[in-house]
Amino acid sequence: MKLSDAFKPMSEKQIHAAVIEHWKVYGFPGTLVATIPNENAFGQPGLTPGLPDLMVIRQGYLGFIELKREGGKLSQAQRDMNNMLLSAGIAVAVTYGLDEPIQVLETWKIVRPTITKGRR
């Protein structure tokens, strides 16, 4: 790896893999973080443009997370889907980079916090 590669922002695919791995290690029992395989699924029945990247479930809770790389932008289909989900009372988070989706999973009580506030 070149030194310059170490400073490149993570791709959405890398963020996706890291978030799933984080849940596998730190996830609470009885929770699920599942990929919605919509990328490059052209022509498959049920393909819905704008679906978020991750579905998040725990007892009595359903949420969705859209993963974006640093500087990434939502498409119009993603904005429309997020508005539909929010109007139906379903939690949706748009996150950038790796730290934000992990913070959302902690807030939604899907994963154990990995850093105790006030301590390092």
N, C-alpha and C. Protein backbone atom coordinates (compact mmCIF):
# COMPACT_ATOMS: atom_id res chain seq x y z
N MET A 1 0.85 -1.18 0.00
CA MET A 1 0.00 0.00 0.00
C MET A 1 0.89 1.24 0.00
N LYS A 2 0.54 2.19 -0.83
CA LYS A 2 1.26 3.46 -0.86
C LYS A 2 0.78 4.33 0.30
N LEU A 3 1.67 5.18 0.79
CA LEU A 3 1.33 6.07 1.90
C LEU A 3 0.12 6.93 1.55
N SER A 4 0.03 7.38 0.31
CA SER A 4 -1.10 8.23 -0.10
C SER A 4 -2.42 7.48 0.00
N ASP A 5 -2.41 6.15 -0.13
CA ASP A 5 -3.64 5.36 -0.02
C ASP A 5 -4.20 5.39 1.40
N ALA A 6 -3.33 5.54 2.39
CA ALA A 6 -3.77 5.56 3.78
C ALA A 6 -4.62 6.78 4.10
N PHE A 7 -4.53 7.83 3.27
CA PHE A 7 -5.26 9.06 3.53
C PHE A 7 -6.49 9.20 2.64
N LYS A 8 -6.77 8.22 1.82
CA LYS A 8 -7.95 8.27 0.97
C LYS A 8 -9.18 7.94 1.81
N PRO A 9 -10.29 8.62 1.56
CA PRO A 9 -11.52 8.26 2.28
C PRO A 9 -11.95 6.84 1.90
N MET A 10 -12.63 6.18 2.83
CA MET A 10 -13.12 4.83 2.56
C MET A 10 -14.21 4.89 1.50
N SER A 11 -14.27 3.87 0.67
CA SER A 11 -15.36 3.74 -0.30
C SER A 11 -16.61 3.28 0.45
N GLU A 12 -17.77 3.42 -0.19
CA GLU A 12 -19.01 2.94 0.43
C GLU A 12 -18.93 1.44 0.68
N LYS A 13 -18.33 0.71 -0.24
CA LYS A 13 -18.20 -0.75 -0.09
C LYS A 13 -17.34 -1.08 1.14
N GLN A 14 -16.26 -0.35 1.35
CA GLN A 14 -15.41 -0.57 2.53
C GLN A 14 -16.16 -0.20 3.81
N ILE A 15 -16.89 0.90 3.79
CA ILE A 15 -17.68 1.30 4.96
C ILE A 15 -18.72 0.22 5.27
N HIS A 16 -19.39 -0.23 4.24
CA HIS A 16 -20.42 -1.26 4.38
C HIS A 16 -19.84 -2.49 5.08
N ALA A 17 -18.73 -3.00 4.58
CA ALA A 17 -18.10 -4.20 5.14
C ALA A 17 -17.68 -3.96 6.60
N ALA A 18 -17.14 -2.78 6.89
CA ALA A 18 -16.68 -2.47 8.24
C ALA A 18 -17.85 -2.37 9.22
N VAL A 19 -18.97 -1.79 8.79
CA VAL A 19 -20.14 -1.66 9.67
C VAL A 19 -20.72 -3.04 9.98
N ILE A 20 -20.84 -3.89 8.99
CA ILE A 20 -21.35 -5.24 9.22
C ILE A 20 -20.42 -6.00 10.17
N GLU A 21 -19.13 -5.90 9.95
CA GLU A 21 -18.16 -6.58 10.83
C GLU A 21 -18.26 -6.04 12.25
N HIS A 22 -18.41 -4.73 12.40
CA HIS A 22 -18.55 -4.12 13.73
C HIS A 22 -19.78 -4.69 14.45
N TRP A 23 -20.89 -4.82 13.73
CA TRP A 23 -22.10 -5.38 14.34
C TRP A 23 -21.87 -6.83 14.74
N LYS A 24 -21.19 -7.59 13.91
CA LYS A 24 -20.92 -9.00 14.24
C LYS A 24 -20.12 -9.12 15.53
N VAL A 25 -19.21 -8.18 15.79
CA VAL A 25 -18.37 -8.24 16.98
C VAL A 25 -19.07 -7.62 18.19
N TYR A 26 -19.74 -6.48 18.01
CA TYR A 26 -20.27 -5.71 19.13
C TYR A 26 -21.80 -5.71 19.23
N GLY A 27 -22.47 -6.41 18.33
CA GLY A 27 -23.93 -6.38 18.32
C GLY A 27 -24.56 -7.03 19.53
N PHE A 28 -25.67 -6.45 19.98
CA PHE A 28 -26.44 -7.05 21.06
C PHE A 28 -27.13 -8.31 20.54
N PRO A 29 -27.31 -9.32 21.39
CA PRO A 29 -28.10 -10.48 20.98
C PRO A 29 -29.51 -10.05 20.58
N GLY A 30 -30.06 -10.74 19.62
CA GLY A 30 -31.42 -10.43 19.18
C GLY A 30 -31.52 -9.22 18.27
N THR A 31 -30.39 -8.77 17.72
CA THR A 31 -30.41 -7.67 16.77
C THR A 31 -29.98 -8.18 15.40
N LEU A 32 -30.29 -7.39 14.39
CA LEU A 32 -29.90 -7.73 13.03
C LEU A 32 -29.52 -6.47 12.29
N VAL A 33 -28.40 -6.51 11.60
CA VAL A 33 -28.02 -5.49 10.64
C VAL A 33 -27.83 -6.23 9.34
N ALA A 34 -28.70 -5.97 8.37
CA ALA A 34 -28.70 -6.74 7.13
C ALA A 34 -28.55 -5.83 5.93
N THR A 35 -27.80 -6.32 4.97
CA THR A 35 -27.60 -5.60 3.71
C THR A 35 -28.85 -5.72 2.84
N ILE A 36 -29.20 -4.62 2.21
CA ILE A 36 -30.25 -4.64 1.19
C ILE A 36 -29.50 -4.62 -0.14
N PRO A 37 -29.44 -5.76 -0.83
CA PRO A 37 -28.61 -5.88 -2.03
C PRO A 37 -29.25 -5.22 -3.24
N ASN A 38 -29.17 -3.91 -3.29
CA ASN A 38 -29.81 -3.15 -4.36
C ASN A 38 -28.80 -2.65 -5.38
N GLU A 39 -27.54 -2.52 -4.99
CA GLU A 39 -26.51 -2.01 -5.89
C GLU A 39 -26.21 -3.04 -6.97
N ASN A 40 -26.13 -2.60 -8.18
CA ASN A 40 -25.83 -3.47 -9.33
C ASN A 40 -26.80 -4.63 -9.48
N ALA A 41 -28.04 -4.45 -9.06
CA ALA A 41 -29.04 -5.50 -9.15
C ALA A 41 -30.03 -5.18 -10.28
N PHE A 42 -29.54 -4.54 -11.32
CA PHE A 42 -30.38 -4.06 -12.40
C PHE A 42 -31.21 -5.20 -13.01
N GLY A 43 -32.48 -4.94 -13.17
CA GLY A 43 -33.36 -5.89 -13.84
C GLY A 43 -33.94 -6.96 -12.94
N GLN A 44 -33.52 -7.03 -11.70
CA GLN A 44 -34.08 -8.05 -10.81
C GLN A 44 -35.47 -7.63 -10.35
N PRO A 45 -36.41 -8.58 -10.27
CA PRO A 45 -37.73 -8.24 -9.74
C PRO A 45 -37.60 -7.70 -8.32
N GLY A 46 -38.34 -6.67 -8.02
CA GLY A 46 -38.34 -6.10 -6.68
C GLY A 46 -37.30 -5.03 -6.45
N LEU A 47 -36.46 -4.79 -7.45
CA LEU A 47 -35.48 -3.72 -7.32
C LEU A 47 -36.21 -2.39 -7.16
N THR A 48 -35.85 -1.65 -6.13
CA THR A 48 -36.49 -0.37 -5.87
C THR A 48 -35.42 0.68 -5.72
N PRO A 49 -35.30 1.58 -6.67
CA PRO A 49 -34.29 2.64 -6.55
C PRO A 49 -34.48 3.43 -5.26
N GLY A 50 -33.36 3.73 -4.62
CA GLY A 50 -33.40 4.57 -3.43
C GLY A 50 -33.44 3.82 -2.11
N LEU A 51 -33.58 2.48 -2.15
CA LEU A 51 -33.60 1.75 -0.88
C LEU A 51 -32.30 1.99 -0.13
N PRO A 52 -32.37 2.17 1.20
CA PRO A 52 -31.15 2.36 1.98
C PRO A 52 -30.26 1.11 1.94
N ASP A 53 -29.03 1.27 2.38
CA ASP A 53 -28.05 0.18 2.33
C ASP A 53 -28.28 -0.89 3.38
N LEU A 54 -28.70 -0.49 4.57
CA LEU A 54 -28.82 -1.44 5.68
C LEU A 54 -30.20 -1.38 6.33
N MET A 55 -30.71 -2.56 6.69
CA MET A 55 -31.93 -2.68 7.49
C MET A 55 -31.47 -3.09 8.89
N VAL A 56 -32.02 -2.42 9.90
CA VAL A 56 -31.60 -2.62 11.28
C VAL A 56 -32.83 -3.01 12.10
N ILE A 57 -32.72 -4.13 12.82
CA ILE A 57 -33.87 -4.64 13.59
C ILE A 57 -33.43 -5.03 15.00
N ARG A 58 -34.25 -4.66 15.96
CA ARG A 58 -34.22 -5.24 17.31
C ARG A 58 -35.67 -5.31 17.75
N GLN A 59 -35.93 -6.02 18.79
CA GLN A 59 -37.31 -6.20 19.21
C GLN A 59 -38.01 -4.86 19.37
N GLY A 60 -39.11 -4.69 18.64
CA GLY A 60 -39.88 -3.46 18.71
C GLY A 60 -39.29 -2.29 17.94
N TYR A 61 -38.29 -2.54 17.10
CA TYR A 61 -37.63 -1.44 16.41
C TYR A 61 -37.21 -1.84 15.01
N LEU A 62 -37.42 -0.93 14.07
CA LEU A 62 -36.97 -1.10 12.70
C LEU A 62 -36.39 0.23 12.22
N GLY A 63 -35.22 0.18 11.62
CA GLY A 63 -34.61 1.38 11.08
C GLY A 63 -33.80 1.04 9.85
N PHE A 64 -33.41 2.07 9.12
CA PHE A 64 -32.61 1.91 7.92
C PHE A 64 -31.46 2.90 7.94
N ILE A 65 -30.34 2.49 7.38
CA ILE A 65 -29.17 3.37 7.30
C ILE A 65 -28.70 3.44 5.86
N GLU A 66 -28.54 4.66 5.38
CA GLU A 66 -27.92 4.92 4.07
C GLU A 66 -26.47 5.27 4.34
N LEU A 67 -25.55 4.52 3.76
CA LEU A 67 -24.12 4.73 3.94
C LEU A 67 -23.58 5.57 2.79
N LYS A 68 -22.82 6.58 3.13
CA LYS A 68 -22.18 7.42 2.12
C LYS A 68 -20.71 7.61 2.48
N ARG A 69 -19.88 7.67 1.47
CA ARG A 69 -18.47 8.00 1.72
C ARG A 69 -18.41 9.49 2.04
N GLU A 70 -17.30 9.91 2.60
CA GLU A 70 -17.12 11.34 2.88
C GLU A 70 -17.34 12.12 1.59
N GLY A 71 -18.18 13.13 1.62
CA GLY A 71 -18.46 13.94 0.44
C GLY A 71 -19.50 13.34 -0.49
N GLY A 72 -20.03 12.15 -0.15
CA GLY A 72 -21.06 11.52 -0.99
C GLY A 72 -22.36 12.30 -0.96
N LYS A 73 -23.18 12.09 -1.96
CA LYS A 73 -24.46 12.81 -2.08
C LYS A 73 -25.59 11.81 -2.27
N LEU A 74 -26.76 12.16 -1.75
CA LEU A 74 -27.96 11.36 -1.96
C LEU A 74 -28.52 11.61 -3.35
N SER A 75 -29.01 10.55 -3.97
CA SER A 75 -29.73 10.71 -5.23
C SER A 75 -31.15 11.16 -4.92
N GLN A 76 -31.86 11.61 -5.93
CA GLN A 76 -33.25 12.00 -5.73
C GLN A 76 -34.08 10.80 -5.28
N ALA A 77 -33.82 9.62 -5.84
CA ALA A 77 -34.54 8.41 -5.44
C ALA A 77 -34.29 8.11 -3.96
N GLN A 78 -33.07 8.32 -3.48
CA GLN A 78 -32.77 8.10 -2.07
C GLN A 78 -33.48 9.11 -1.19
N ARG A 79 -33.50 10.36 -1.61
CA ARG A 79 -34.23 11.39 -0.83
C ARG A 79 -35.72 11.05 -0.76
N ASP A 80 -36.29 10.65 -1.89
CA ASP A 80 -37.71 10.29 -1.92
C ASP A 80 -38.01 9.10 -1.02
N MET A 81 -37.16 8.06 -1.07
CA MET A 81 -37.35 6.87 -0.23
C MET A 81 -37.24 7.24 1.25
N ASN A 82 -36.24 8.03 1.60
CA ASN A 82 -36.07 8.44 3.00
C ASN A 82 -37.29 9.21 3.49
N ASN A 83 -37.83 10.11 2.66
CA ASN A 83 -39.03 10.86 3.03
C ASN A 83 -40.22 9.93 3.22
N MET A 84 -40.36 8.92 2.35
CA MET A 84 -41.47 7.97 2.48
C MET A 84 -41.34 7.19 3.79
N LEU A 85 -40.13 6.68 4.09
CA LEU A 85 -39.93 5.92 5.31
C LEU A 85 -40.19 6.78 6.54
N LEU A 86 -39.66 8.01 6.54
CA LEU A 86 -39.88 8.90 7.67
C LEU A 86 -41.36 9.23 7.86
N SER A 87 -42.08 9.44 6.75
CA SER A 87 -43.51 9.74 6.86
C SER A 87 -44.31 8.55 7.37
N ALA A 88 -43.75 7.34 7.22
CA ALA A 88 -44.39 6.13 7.75
C ALA A 88 -43.96 5.86 9.20
N GLY A 89 -43.16 6.76 9.77
CA GLY A 89 -42.73 6.60 11.16
C GLY A 89 -41.56 5.65 11.33
N ILE A 90 -40.81 5.39 10.26
CA ILE A 90 -39.68 4.47 10.31
C ILE A 90 -38.39 5.29 10.36
N ALA A 91 -37.51 4.92 11.27
CA ALA A 91 -36.25 5.64 11.45
C ALA A 91 -35.34 5.43 10.24
N VAL A 92 -34.73 6.52 9.79
CA VAL A 92 -33.77 6.49 8.69
C VAL A 92 -32.62 7.41 9.07
N ALA A 93 -31.40 6.93 8.84
CA ALA A 93 -30.22 7.77 9.07
C ALA A 93 -29.37 7.77 7.81
N VAL A 94 -28.93 8.94 7.40
CA VAL A 94 -27.95 9.07 6.33
C VAL A 94 -26.64 9.35 7.02
N THR A 95 -25.64 8.49 6.78
CA THR A 95 -24.38 8.62 7.48
C THR A 95 -23.23 8.75 6.49
N TYR A 96 -22.17 9.42 6.94
CA TYR A 96 -21.00 9.66 6.12
C TYR A 96 -19.77 9.11 6.83
N GLY A 97 -18.93 8.38 6.09
CA GLY A 97 -17.74 7.79 6.67
C GLY A 97 -18.10 6.59 7.55
N LEU A 98 -17.14 6.16 8.36
CA LEU A 98 -17.34 4.98 9.20
C LEU A 98 -17.86 5.31 10.59
N ASP A 99 -17.46 6.43 11.17
CA ASP A 99 -17.86 6.73 12.54
C ASP A 99 -19.36 6.96 12.69
N GLU A 100 -19.97 7.66 11.73
CA GLU A 100 -21.40 8.01 11.86
C GLU A 100 -22.31 6.79 11.91
N PRO A 101 -22.18 5.79 11.03
CA PRO A 101 -23.09 4.65 11.15
C PRO A 101 -22.89 3.87 12.45
N ILE A 102 -21.67 3.81 12.94
CA ILE A 102 -21.42 3.14 14.22
C ILE A 102 -22.12 3.90 15.34
N GLN A 103 -22.06 5.23 15.32
CA GLN A 103 -22.74 6.04 16.33
C GLN A 103 -24.25 5.82 16.27
N VAL A 104 -24.80 5.72 15.06
CA VAL A 104 -26.24 5.47 14.91
C VAL A 104 -26.59 4.11 15.51
N LEU A 105 -25.80 3.08 15.22
CA LEU A 105 -26.08 1.75 15.77
C LEU A 105 -26.00 1.76 17.29
N GLU A 106 -25.08 2.53 17.86
CA GLU A 106 -25.01 2.65 19.32
C GLU A 106 -26.25 3.35 19.85
N THR A 107 -26.65 4.45 19.22
CA THR A 107 -27.83 5.21 19.64
C THR A 107 -29.10 4.37 19.56
N TRP A 108 -29.20 3.55 18.50
CA TRP A 108 -30.37 2.70 18.31
C TRP A 108 -30.29 1.41 19.15
N LYS A 109 -29.25 1.29 19.97
CA LYS A 109 -29.06 0.13 20.87
C LYS A 109 -28.98 -1.20 20.09
N ILE A 110 -28.23 -1.14 18.99
CA ILE A 110 -28.00 -2.33 18.17
C ILE A 110 -26.62 -2.91 18.49
N VAL A 111 -25.66 -2.02 18.79
CA VAL A 111 -24.31 -2.45 19.18
C VAL A 111 -23.94 -1.82 20.52
N ARG A 112 -23.05 -2.52 21.22
CA ARG A 112 -22.53 -1.99 22.47
C ARG A 112 -21.61 -0.82 22.16
N PRO A 113 -21.63 0.22 22.98
CA PRO A 113 -20.68 1.31 22.80
C PRO A 113 -19.26 0.78 22.94
N THR A 114 -18.37 1.28 22.10
CA THR A 114 -16.99 0.81 22.14
C THR A 114 -16.08 1.79 22.87
N ILE A 115 -16.56 3.01 23.13
CA ILE A 115 -15.79 4.01 23.87
C ILE A 115 -16.69 4.57 24.96
N THR A 116 -16.21 4.54 26.18
CA THR A 116 -16.97 5.11 27.29
C THR A 116 -16.73 6.61 27.32
N LYS A 117 -17.78 7.39 27.32
CA LYS A 117 -17.65 8.84 27.32
C LYS A 117 -16.91 9.30 28.57
N GLY A 118 -16.01 10.25 28.39
CA GLY A 118 -15.26 10.78 29.50
C GLY A 118 -14.02 9.97 29.84
N ARG A 119 -13.83 8.83 29.17
CA ARG A 119 -12.65 7.98 29.42
C ARG A 119 -11.98 7.68 28.09
N ARG A 120 -10.69 7.54 28.12
CA ARG A 120 -9.96 7.18 26.91
C ARG A 120 -9.15 5.96 27.14
